[in-house]
């Protein structure tokens, strides 16, 4: 079990090193495409029938926040609003 955990850590560090070795413009382009794709699919699922609307939008923001400060600030606002939600009130039986 320890060997598997160490292998995962090695792969993660290799991926992180390769990610940091990419030029900033390429990294940002990759993050933009993936992040906005997830947000767009999440927003489309609001209109189209399908589950997982908010998780995709939040995941897209999380990915964008890896490279962009504005997305990090927006993600902080989403987290603050999420803490205000009380699930007991949302699903209260009447």
PDB file of N, CA and C in Angstrom:
ATOM      1  N   UNK A   1       0.824  -1.186   0.000  1.00  0.00           N
ATOM      2  CA  UNK A   1       0.000   0.000   0.000  1.00  0.00           C
ATOM      3  C   UNK A   1       0.871   1.254   0.000  1.00  0.00           C
ATOM      4  N   UNK A   2       1.936   1.241   0.765  1.00  0.00           N
ATOM      5  CA  UNK A   2       2.843   2.388   0.818  1.00  0.00           C
ATOM      6  C   UNK A   2       3.528   2.611  -0.527  1.00  0.00           C
ATOM      7  N   UNK A   3       3.831   1.503  -1.216  1.00  0.00           N
ATOM      8  CA  UNK A   3       4.482   1.627  -2.521  1.00  0.00           C
ATOM      9  C   UNK A   3       3.555   2.308  -3.516  1.00  0.00           C
ATOM     10  N   UNK A   4       2.281   1.969  -3.478  1.00  0.00           N
ATOM     11  CA  UNK A   4       1.301   2.593  -4.366  1.00  0.00           C
ATOM     12  C   UNK A   4       1.164   4.080  -4.076  1.00  0.00           C
ATOM     13  N   UNK A   5       1.175   4.427  -2.793  1.00  0.00           N
ATOM     14  CA  UNK A   5       1.069   5.834  -2.404  1.00  0.00           C
ATOM     15  C   UNK A   5       2.291   6.620  -2.862  1.00  0.00           C
ATOM     16  N   UNK A   6       3.463   6.028  -2.731  1.00  0.00           N
ATOM     17  CA  UNK A   6       4.681   6.699  -3.182  1.00  0.00           C
ATOM     18  C   UNK A   6       4.689   6.857  -4.701  1.00  0.00           C
ATOM     19  N   UNK A   7       4.171   5.866  -5.408  1.00  0.00           N
ATOM     20  CA  UNK A   7       4.101   5.953  -6.869  1.00  0.00           C
ATOM     21  C   UNK A   7       3.180   7.092  -7.300  1.00  0.00           C
ATOM     22  N   UNK A   8       2.062   7.234  -6.587  1.00  0.00           N
ATOM     23  CA  UNK A   8       1.129   8.321  -6.889  1.00  0.00           C
ATOM     24  C   UNK A   8       1.798   9.667  -6.630  1.00  0.00           C
ATOM     25  N   UNK A   9       2.532   9.773  -5.544  1.00  0.00           N
ATOM     26  CA  UNK A   9       3.236  11.035  -5.231  1.00  0.00           C
ATOM     27  C   UNK A   9       4.282  11.363  -6.285  1.00  0.00           C
ATOM     28  N   UNK A  10       4.991  10.342  -6.776  1.00  0.00           N
ATOM     29  CA  UNK A  10       5.994  10.569  -7.825  1.00  0.00           C
ATOM     30  C   UNK A  10       5.337  11.058  -9.102  1.00  0.00           C
ATOM     31  N   UNK A  11       4.209  10.415  -9.476  1.00  0.00           N
ATOM     32  CA  UNK A  11       3.510  10.831 -10.687  1.00  0.00           C
ATOM     33  C   UNK A  11       2.983  12.253 -10.550  1.00  0.00           C
ATOM     34  N   UNK A  12       2.480  12.595  -9.362  1.00  0.00           N
ATOM     35  CA  UNK A  12       1.960  13.938  -9.131  1.00  0.00           C
ATOM     36  C   UNK A  12       3.073  14.973  -9.229  1.00  0.00           C
ATOM     37  N   UNK A  13       4.229  14.672  -8.663  1.00  0.00           N
ATOM     38  CA  UNK A  13       5.336  15.631  -8.732  1.00  0.00           C
ATOM     39  C   UNK A  13       5.869  15.763 -10.154  1.00  0.00           C
ATOM     40  N   UNK A  14       5.873  14.653 -10.913  1.00  0.00           N
ATOM     41  CA  UNK A  14       6.295  14.739 -12.313  1.00  0.00           C
ATOM     42  C   UNK A  14       5.314  15.570 -13.130  1.00  0.00           C
ATOM     43  N   UNK A  15       4.023  15.372 -12.887  1.00  0.00           N
ATOM     44  CA  UNK A  15       3.022  16.163 -13.598  1.00  0.00           C
ATOM     45  C   UNK A  15       3.149  17.640 -13.242  1.00  0.00           C
ATOM     46  N   UNK A  16       3.336  17.936 -11.954  1.00  0.00           N
ATOM     47  CA  UNK A  16       3.467  19.332 -11.526  1.00  0.00           C
ATOM     48  C   UNK A  16       4.698  19.981 -12.145  1.00  0.00           C
ATOM     49  N   UNK A  17       5.787  19.248 -12.219  1.00  0.00           N
ATOM     50  CA  UNK A  17       7.004  19.798 -12.825  1.00  0.00           C
ATOM     51  C   UNK A  17       6.798  20.042 -14.320  1.00  0.00           C
ATOM     52  N   UNK A  18       6.134  19.118 -14.997  1.00  0.00           N
ATOM     53  CA  UNK A  18       5.877  19.299 -16.424  1.00  0.00           C
ATOM     54  C   UNK A  18       4.913  20.460 -16.657  1.00  0.00           C
ATOM     55  N   UNK A  19       3.933  20.620 -15.769  1.00  0.00           N
ATOM     56  CA  UNK A  19       2.979  21.721 -15.881  1.00  0.00           C
ATOM     57  C   UNK A  19       3.684  23.068 -15.712  1.00  0.00           C
ATOM     58  N   UNK A  20       4.565  23.147 -14.723  1.00  0.00           N
ATOM     59  CA  UNK A  20       5.302  24.401 -14.489  1.00  0.00           C
ATOM     60  C   UNK A  20       6.291  24.683 -15.605  1.00  0.00           C
ATOM     61  N   UNK A  21       6.749  23.664 -16.309  1.00  0.00           N
ATOM     62  CA  UNK A  21       7.714  23.854 -17.388  1.00  0.00           C
ATOM     63  C   UNK A  21       7.063  24.433 -18.645  1.00  0.00           C
ATOM     64  N   UNK A  22       5.739  24.308 -18.751  1.00  0.00           N
ATOM     65  CA  UNK A  22       5.044  24.875 -19.907  1.00  0.00           C
ATOM     66  C   UNK A  22       5.105  26.405 -19.855  1.00  0.00           C
ATOM     67  N   UNK A  23       5.172  27.037 -21.011  1.00  0.00           N
ATOM     68  CA  UNK A  23       5.107  28.506 -21.025  1.00  0.00           C
ATOM     69  C   UNK A  23       3.767  28.992 -20.462  1.00  0.00           C
ATOM     70  N   UNK A  24       3.792  30.156 -19.853  1.00  0.00           N
ATOM     71  CA  UNK A  24       2.601  30.691 -19.190  1.00  0.00           C
ATOM     72  C   UNK A  24       1.431  30.844 -20.153  1.00  0.00           C
ATOM     73  N   UNK A  25       1.688  31.300 -21.358  1.00  0.00           N
ATOM     74  CA  UNK A  25       0.596  31.496 -22.316  1.00  0.00           C
ATOM     75  C   UNK A  25      -0.098  30.178 -22.655  1.00  0.00           C
ATOM     76  N   UNK A  26       0.655  29.123 -22.806  1.00  0.00           N
ATOM     77  CA  UNK A  26       0.064  27.809 -23.115  1.00  0.00           C
ATOM     78  C   UNK A  26      -0.723  27.293 -21.920  1.00  0.00           C
ATOM     79  N   UNK A  27      -0.153  27.440 -20.714  1.00  0.00           N
ATOM     80  CA  UNK A  27      -0.857  27.005 -19.499  1.00  0.00           C
ATOM     81  C   UNK A  27      -2.192  27.727 -19.368  1.00  0.00           C
ATOM     82  N   UNK A  28      -2.171  29.036 -19.546  1.00  0.00           N
ATOM     83  CA  UNK A  28      -3.395  29.822 -19.402  1.00  0.00           C
ATOM     84  C   UNK A  28      -4.420  29.453 -20.473  1.00  0.00           C
ATOM     85  N   UNK A  29      -3.964  29.180 -21.676  1.00  0.00           N
ATOM     86  CA  UNK A  29      -4.888  28.787 -22.740  1.00  0.00           C
ATOM     87  C   UNK A  29      -5.551  27.455 -22.414  1.00  0.00           C
ATOM     88  N   UNK A  30      -4.779  26.504 -21.929  1.00  0.00           N
ATOM     89  CA  UNK A  30      -5.323  25.193 -21.550  1.00  0.00           C
ATOM     90  C   UNK A  30      -6.355  25.358 -20.437  1.00  0.00           C
ATOM     91  N   UNK A  31      -6.005  26.152 -19.431  1.00  0.00           N
ATOM     92  CA  UNK A  31      -6.917  26.368 -18.304  1.00  0.00           C
ATOM     93  C   UNK A  31      -8.181  27.087 -18.768  1.00  0.00           C
ATOM     94  N   UNK A  32      -8.036  28.092 -19.645  1.00  0.00           N
ATOM     95  CA  UNK A  32      -9.208  28.811 -20.168  1.00  0.00           C
ATOM     96  C   UNK A  32     -10.156  27.880 -20.913  1.00  0.00           C
ATOM     97  N   UNK A  33      -9.609  27.059 -21.782  1.00  0.00           N
ATOM     98  CA  UNK A  33     -10.453  26.169 -22.586  1.00  0.00           C
ATOM     99  C   UNK A  33     -11.184  25.167 -21.697  1.00  0.00           C
ATOM    100  N   UNK A  34     -10.469  24.525 -20.804  1.00  0.00           N
ATOM    101  CA  UNK A  34     -11.099  23.518 -19.937  1.00  0.00           C
ATOM    102  C   UNK A  34     -12.096  24.170 -18.978  1.00  0.00           C
ATOM    103  N   UNK A  35     -11.697  25.269 -18.352  1.00  0.00           N
ATOM    104  CA  UNK A  35     -12.574  25.934 -17.384  1.00  0.00           C
ATOM    105  C   UNK A  35     -13.848  26.458 -18.004  1.00  0.00           C
ATOM    106  N   UNK A  36     -13.726  27.185 -19.125  1.00  0.00           N
ATOM    107  CA  UNK A  36     -14.918  27.733 -19.756  1.00  0.00           C
ATOM    108  C   UNK A  36     -15.778  26.648 -20.399  1.00  0.00           C
ATOM    109  N   UNK A  37     -15.180  25.556 -20.827  1.00  0.00           N
ATOM    110  CA  UNK A  37     -15.970  24.438 -21.346  1.00  0.00           C
ATOM    111  C   UNK A  37     -16.842  23.849 -20.249  1.00  0.00           C
ATOM    112  N   UNK A  38     -16.270  23.649 -19.073  1.00  0.00           N
ATOM    113  CA  UNK A  38     -17.053  23.108 -17.957  1.00  0.00           C
ATOM    114  C   UNK A  38     -18.153  24.066 -17.534  1.00  0.00           C
ATOM    115  N   UNK A  39     -17.857  25.358 -17.482  1.00  0.00           N
ATOM    116  CA  UNK A  39     -18.872  26.339 -17.106  1.00  0.00           C
ATOM    117  C   UNK A  39     -19.983  26.380 -18.149  1.00  0.00           C
ATOM    118  N   UNK A  40     -19.627  26.345 -19.422  1.00  0.00           N
ATOM    119  CA  UNK A  40     -20.628  26.378 -20.492  1.00  0.00           C
ATOM    120  C   UNK A  40     -21.526  25.146 -20.444  1.00  0.00           C
ATOM    121  N   UNK A  41     -20.943  23.983 -20.265  1.00  0.00           N
ATOM    122  CA  UNK A  41     -21.746  22.757 -20.176  1.00  0.00           C
ATOM    123  C   UNK A  41     -22.656  22.822 -18.952  1.00  0.00           C
ATOM    124  N   UNK A  42     -22.132  23.306 -17.837  1.00  0.00           N
ATOM    125  CA  UNK A  42     -22.952  23.440 -16.635  1.00  0.00           C
ATOM    126  C   UNK A  42     -24.119  24.383 -16.838  1.00  0.00           C
ATOM    127  N   UNK A  43     -23.867  25.510 -17.515  1.00  0.00           N
ATOM    128  CA  UNK A  43     -24.952  26.463 -17.774  1.00  0.00           C
ATOM    129  C   UNK A  43     -25.953  25.921 -18.797  1.00  0.00           C
ATOM    130  N   UNK A  44     -25.476  25.155 -19.759  1.00  0.00           N
ATOM    131  CA  UNK A  44     -26.397  24.538 -20.717  1.00  0.00           C
ATOM    132  C   UNK A  44     -27.307  23.514 -20.038  1.00  0.00           C
ATOM    133  N   UNK A  45     -26.802  22.851 -19.026  1.00  0.00           N
ATOM    134  CA  UNK A  45     -27.609  21.859 -18.316  1.00  0.00           C
ATOM    135  C   UNK A  45     -28.704  22.504 -17.470  1.00  0.00           C
ATOM    136  N   UNK A  46     -28.624  23.826 -17.268  1.00  0.00           N
ATOM    137  CA  UNK A  46     -29.715  24.518 -16.592  1.00  0.00           C
ATOM    138  C   UNK A  46     -30.938  24.492 -17.500  1.00  0.00           C
ATOM    139  N   UNK A  47     -30.715  24.708 -18.796  1.00  0.00           N
ATOM    140  CA  UNK A  47     -31.805  24.758 -19.762  1.00  0.00           C
ATOM    141  C   UNK A  47     -32.164  23.357 -20.258  1.00  0.00           C
ATOM    142  N   UNK A  48     -31.156  22.571 -20.598  1.00  0.00           N
ATOM    143  CA  UNK A  48     -31.375  21.228 -21.107  1.00  0.00           C
ATOM    144  C   UNK A  48     -31.611  20.263 -19.952  1.00  0.00           C
ATOM    145  N   UNK A  49     -32.327  19.177 -20.201  1.00  0.00           N
ATOM    146  CA  UNK A  49     -32.524  18.212 -19.118  1.00  0.00           C
ATOM    147  C   UNK A  49     -31.226  17.464 -18.812  1.00  0.00           C
ATOM    148  N   UNK A  50     -30.850  17.471 -17.573  1.00  0.00           N
ATOM    149  CA  UNK A  50     -29.644  16.754 -17.171  1.00  0.00           C
ATOM    150  C   UNK A  50     -29.220  17.151 -15.771  1.00  0.00           C
ATOM    151  N   UNK A  51     -28.519  16.283 -15.110  1.00  0.00           N
ATOM    152  CA  UNK A  51     -28.069  16.573 -13.747  1.00  0.00           C
ATOM    153  C   UNK A  51     -26.723  17.303 -13.738  1.00  0.00           C
ATOM    154  N   UNK A  52     -26.236  17.554 -12.569  1.00  0.00           N
ATOM    155  CA  UNK A  52     -24.885  18.065 -12.332  1.00  0.00           C
ATOM    156  C   UNK A  52     -24.654  19.459 -12.898  1.00  0.00           C
ATOM    157  N   UNK A  53     -25.578  20.361 -12.701  1.00  0.00           N
ATOM    158  CA  UNK A  53     -25.419  21.722 -13.197  1.00  0.00           C
ATOM    159  C   UNK A  53     -24.389  22.490 -12.387  1.00  0.00           C
ATOM    160  N   UNK A  54     -24.644  22.677 -11.105  1.00  0.00           N
ATOM    161  CA  UNK A  54     -23.753  23.485 -10.280  1.00  0.00           C
ATOM    162  C   UNK A  54     -22.368  22.878 -10.084  1.00  0.00           C
ATOM    163  N   UNK A  55     -22.239  21.576  -9.903  1.00  0.00           N
ATOM    164  CA  UNK A  55     -20.874  21.046  -9.749  1.00  0.00           C
ATOM    165  C   UNK A  55     -19.977  21.338 -10.941  1.00  0.00           C
ATOM    166  N   UNK A  56     -20.526  21.311 -12.153  1.00  0.00           N
ATOM    167  CA  UNK A  56     -19.702  21.611 -13.324  1.00  0.00           C
ATOM    168  C   UNK A  56     -19.289  23.078 -13.351  1.00  0.00           C
ATOM    169  N   UNK A  57     -20.184  23.964 -12.983  1.00  0.00           N
ATOM    170  CA  UNK A  57     -19.863  25.390 -12.955  1.00  0.00           C
ATOM    171  C   UNK A  57     -18.794  25.656 -11.899  1.00  0.00           C
ATOM    172  N   UNK A  58     -18.950  25.069 -10.737  1.00  0.00           N
ATOM    173  CA  UNK A  58     -17.975  25.278  -9.652  1.00  0.00           C
ATOM    174  C   UNK A  58     -16.632  24.649 -10.013  1.00  0.00           C
ATOM    175  N   UNK A  59     -16.645  23.478 -10.638  1.00  0.00           N
ATOM    176  CA  UNK A  59     -15.402  22.852 -11.070  1.00  0.00           C
ATOM    177  C   UNK A  59     -14.693  23.710 -12.118  1.00  0.00           C
ATOM    178  N   UNK A  60     -15.457  24.285 -13.038  1.00  0.00           N
ATOM    179  CA  UNK A  60     -14.873  25.187 -14.026  1.00  0.00           C
ATOM    180  C   UNK A  60     -14.237  26.401 -13.377  1.00  0.00           C
ATOM    181  N   UNK A  61     -14.905  26.973 -12.372  1.00  0.00           N
ATOM    182  CA  UNK A  61     -14.330  28.107 -11.640  1.00  0.00           C
ATOM    183  C   UNK A  61     -13.068  27.694 -10.899  1.00  0.00           C
ATOM    184  N   UNK A  62     -13.090  26.495 -10.310  1.00  0.00           N
ATOM    185  CA  UNK A  62     -11.914  26.005  -9.588  1.00  0.00           C
ATOM    186  C   UNK A  62     -10.718  25.878 -10.535  1.00  0.00           C
ATOM    187  N   UNK A  63     -10.959  25.334 -11.709  1.00  0.00           N
ATOM    188  CA  UNK A  63      -9.866  25.171 -12.680  1.00  0.00           C
ATOM    189  C   UNK A  63      -9.357  26.532 -13.144  1.00  0.00           C
ATOM    190  N   UNK A  64     -10.266  27.466 -13.401  1.00  0.00           N
ATOM    191  CA  UNK A  64      -9.842  28.804 -13.801  1.00  0.00           C
ATOM    192  C   UNK A  64      -9.074  29.504 -12.684  1.00  0.00           C
ATOM    193  N   UNK A  65      -9.445  29.224 -11.433  1.00  0.00           N
ATOM    194  CA  UNK A  65      -8.778  29.859 -10.290  1.00  0.00           C
ATOM    195  C   UNK A  65      -7.338  29.387 -10.121  1.00  0.00           C
ATOM    196  N   UNK A  66      -6.969  28.292 -10.770  1.00  0.00           N
ATOM    197  CA  UNK A  66      -5.580  27.834 -10.697  1.00  0.00           C
ATOM    198  C   UNK A  66      -4.621  28.821 -11.351  1.00  0.00           C
ATOM    199  N   UNK A  67      -5.103  29.562 -12.356  1.00  0.00           N
ATOM    200  CA  UNK A  67      -4.234  30.465 -13.112  1.00  0.00           C
ATOM    201  C   UNK A  67      -4.651  31.932 -13.061  1.00  0.00           C
ATOM    202  N   UNK A  68      -5.906  32.215 -12.704  1.00  0.00           N
ATOM    203  CA  UNK A  68      -6.409  33.582 -12.789  1.00  0.00           C
ATOM    204  C   UNK A  68      -6.907  34.070 -11.436  1.00  0.00           C
ATOM    205  N   UNK A  69      -6.464  35.283 -11.060  1.00  0.00           N
ATOM    206  CA  UNK A  69      -6.854  35.861  -9.771  1.00  0.00           C
ATOM    207  C   UNK A  69      -8.334  36.219  -9.740  1.00  0.00           C
ATOM    208  N   UNK A  70      -8.887  36.693 -10.858  1.00  0.00           N
ATOM    209  CA  UNK A  70     -10.299  37.068 -10.885  1.00  0.00           C
ATOM    210  C   UNK A  70     -11.192  35.857 -10.638  1.00  0.00           C
ATOM    211  N   UNK A  71     -10.794  34.691 -11.152  1.00  0.00           N
ATOM    212  CA  UNK A  71     -11.584  33.478 -10.930  1.00  0.00           C
ATOM    213  C   UNK A  71     -11.462  33.018  -9.476  1.00  0.00           C
ATOM    214  N   UNK A  72     -10.295  33.251  -8.880  1.00  0.00           N
ATOM    215  CA  UNK A  72     -10.105  32.901  -7.475  1.00  0.00           C
ATOM    216  C   UNK A  72     -11.010  33.754  -6.582  1.00  0.00           C
ATOM    217  N   UNK A  73     -11.104  35.049  -6.891  1.00  0.00           N
ATOM    218  CA  UNK A  73     -11.994  35.922  -6.118  1.00  0.00           C
ATOM    219  C   UNK A  73     -13.455  35.511  -6.300  1.00  0.00           C
ATOM    220  N   UNK A  74     -13.831  35.155  -7.521  1.00  0.00           N
ATOM    221  CA  UNK A  74     -15.202  34.722  -7.782  1.00  0.00           C
ATOM    222  C   UNK A  74     -15.505  33.410  -7.062  1.00  0.00           C
ATOM    223  N   UNK A  75     -14.534  32.507  -7.029  1.00  0.00           N
ATOM    224  CA  UNK A  75     -14.713  31.238  -6.321  1.00  0.00           C
ATOM    225  C   UNK A  75     -14.875  31.478  -4.822  1.00  0.00           C
ATOM    226  N   UNK A  76     -14.140  32.453  -4.279  1.00  0.00           N
ATOM    227  CA  UNK A  76     -14.310  32.801  -2.865  1.00  0.00           C
ATOM    228  C   UNK A  76     -15.720  33.314  -2.589  1.00  0.00           C
ATOM    229  N   UNK A  77     -16.265  34.111  -3.509  1.00  0.00           N
ATOM    230  CA  UNK A  77     -17.637  34.598  -3.346  1.00  0.00           C
ATOM    231  C   UNK A  77     -18.640  33.444  -3.400  1.00  0.00           C
ATOM    232  N   UNK A  78     -18.421  32.505  -4.295  1.00  0.00           N
ATOM    233  CA  UNK A  78     -19.310  31.349  -4.410  1.00  0.00           C
ATOM    234  C   UNK A  78     -19.249  30.515  -3.129  1.00  0.00           C
ATOM    235  N   UNK A  79     -18.050  30.343  -2.582  1.00  0.00           N
ATOM    236  CA  UNK A  79     -17.914  29.591  -1.328  1.00  0.00           C
ATOM    237  C   UNK A  79     -18.642  30.296  -0.191  1.00  0.00           C
ATOM    238  N   UNK A  80     -18.516  31.626  -0.130  1.00  0.00           N
ATOM    239  CA  UNK A  80     -19.186  32.380   0.934  1.00  0.00           C
ATOM    240  C   UNK A  80     -20.700  32.258   0.810  1.00  0.00           C
ATOM    241  N   UNK A  81     -21.220  32.328  -0.411  1.00  0.00           N
ATOM    242  CA  UNK A  81     -22.656  32.172  -0.607  1.00  0.00           C
ATOM    243  C   UNK A  81     -23.100  30.736  -0.304  1.00  0.00           C
ATOM    244  N   UNK A  82     -22.252  29.776  -0.618  1.00  0.00           N
ATOM    245  CA  UNK A  82     -22.579  28.381  -0.343  1.00  0.00           C
ATOM    246  C   UNK A  82     -22.664  28.077   1.140  1.00  0.00           C
ATOM    247  N   UNK A  83     -21.864  28.783   1.927  1.00  0.00           N
ATOM    248  CA  UNK A  83     -21.910  28.570   3.379  1.00  0.00           C
ATOM    249  C   UNK A  83     -23.200  29.102   3.988  1.00  0.00           C
ATOM    250  N   UNK A  84     -23.832  30.052   3.306  1.00  0.00           N
ATOM    251  CA  UNK A  84     -25.076  30.630   3.818  1.00  0.00           C
ATOM    252  C   UNK A  84     -26.274  29.717   3.583  1.00  0.00           C
ATOM    253  N   UNK A  85     -26.156  28.786   2.654  1.00  0.00           N
ATOM    254  CA  UNK A  85     -27.274  27.917   2.300  1.00  0.00           C
ATOM    255  C   UNK A  85     -27.452  26.845   3.374  1.00  0.00           C
ATOM    256  N   UNK A  86     -28.662  26.704   3.826  1.00  0.00           N
ATOM    257  CA  UNK A  86     -28.994  25.677   4.811  1.00  0.00           C
ATOM    258  C   UNK A  86     -29.826  24.604   4.111  1.00  0.00           C
ATOM    259  N   UNK A  87     -29.250  23.402   3.883  1.00  0.00           N
ATOM    260  CA  UNK A  87     -29.982  22.371   3.148  1.00  0.00           C
ATOM    261  C   UNK A  87     -31.274  21.939   3.833  1.00  0.00           C
ATOM    262  N   UNK A  88     -31.353  22.118   5.137  1.00  0.00           N
ATOM    263  CA  UNK A  88     -32.582  21.735   5.841  1.00  0.00           C
ATOM    264  C   UNK A  88     -33.736  22.631   5.425  1.00  0.00           C
ATOM    265  N   UNK A  89     -33.445  23.894   5.107  1.00  0.00           N
ATOM    266  CA  UNK A  89     -34.500  24.795   4.662  1.00  0.00           C
ATOM    267  C   UNK A  89     -34.855  24.566   3.202  1.00  0.00           C
ATOM    268  N   UNK A  90     -33.880  24.134   2.411  1.00  0.00           N
ATOM    269  CA  UNK A  90     -34.148  23.886   0.991  1.00  0.00           C
ATOM    270  C   UNK A  90     -35.095  22.722   0.778  1.00  0.00           C
ATOM    271  N   UNK A  91     -34.907  21.670   1.543  1.00  0.00           N
ATOM    272  CA  UNK A  91     -35.685  20.444   1.353  1.00  0.00           C
ATOM    273  C   UNK A  91     -36.710  20.229   2.462  1.00  0.00           C
ATOM    274  N   UNK A  92     -37.213  21.318   2.984  1.00  0.00           N
ATOM    275  CA  UNK A  92     -38.181  21.242   4.070  1.00  0.00           C
ATOM    276  C   UNK A  92     -39.530  20.781   3.525  1.00  0.00           C
ATOM    277  N   UNK A  93     -40.108  19.785   4.174  1.00  0.00           N
ATOM    278  CA  UNK A  93     -41.408  19.276   3.757  1.00  0.00           C
ATOM    279  C   UNK A  93     -42.486  20.186   4.344  1.00  0.00           C
ATOM    280  N   UNK A  94     -43.477  20.443   3.538  1.00  0.00           N
ATOM    281  CA  UNK A  94     -44.555  21.316   4.008  1.00  0.00           C
ATOM    282  C   UNK A  94     -45.829  20.567   4.170  1.00  0.00           C
TER     283      UNK A  94
END
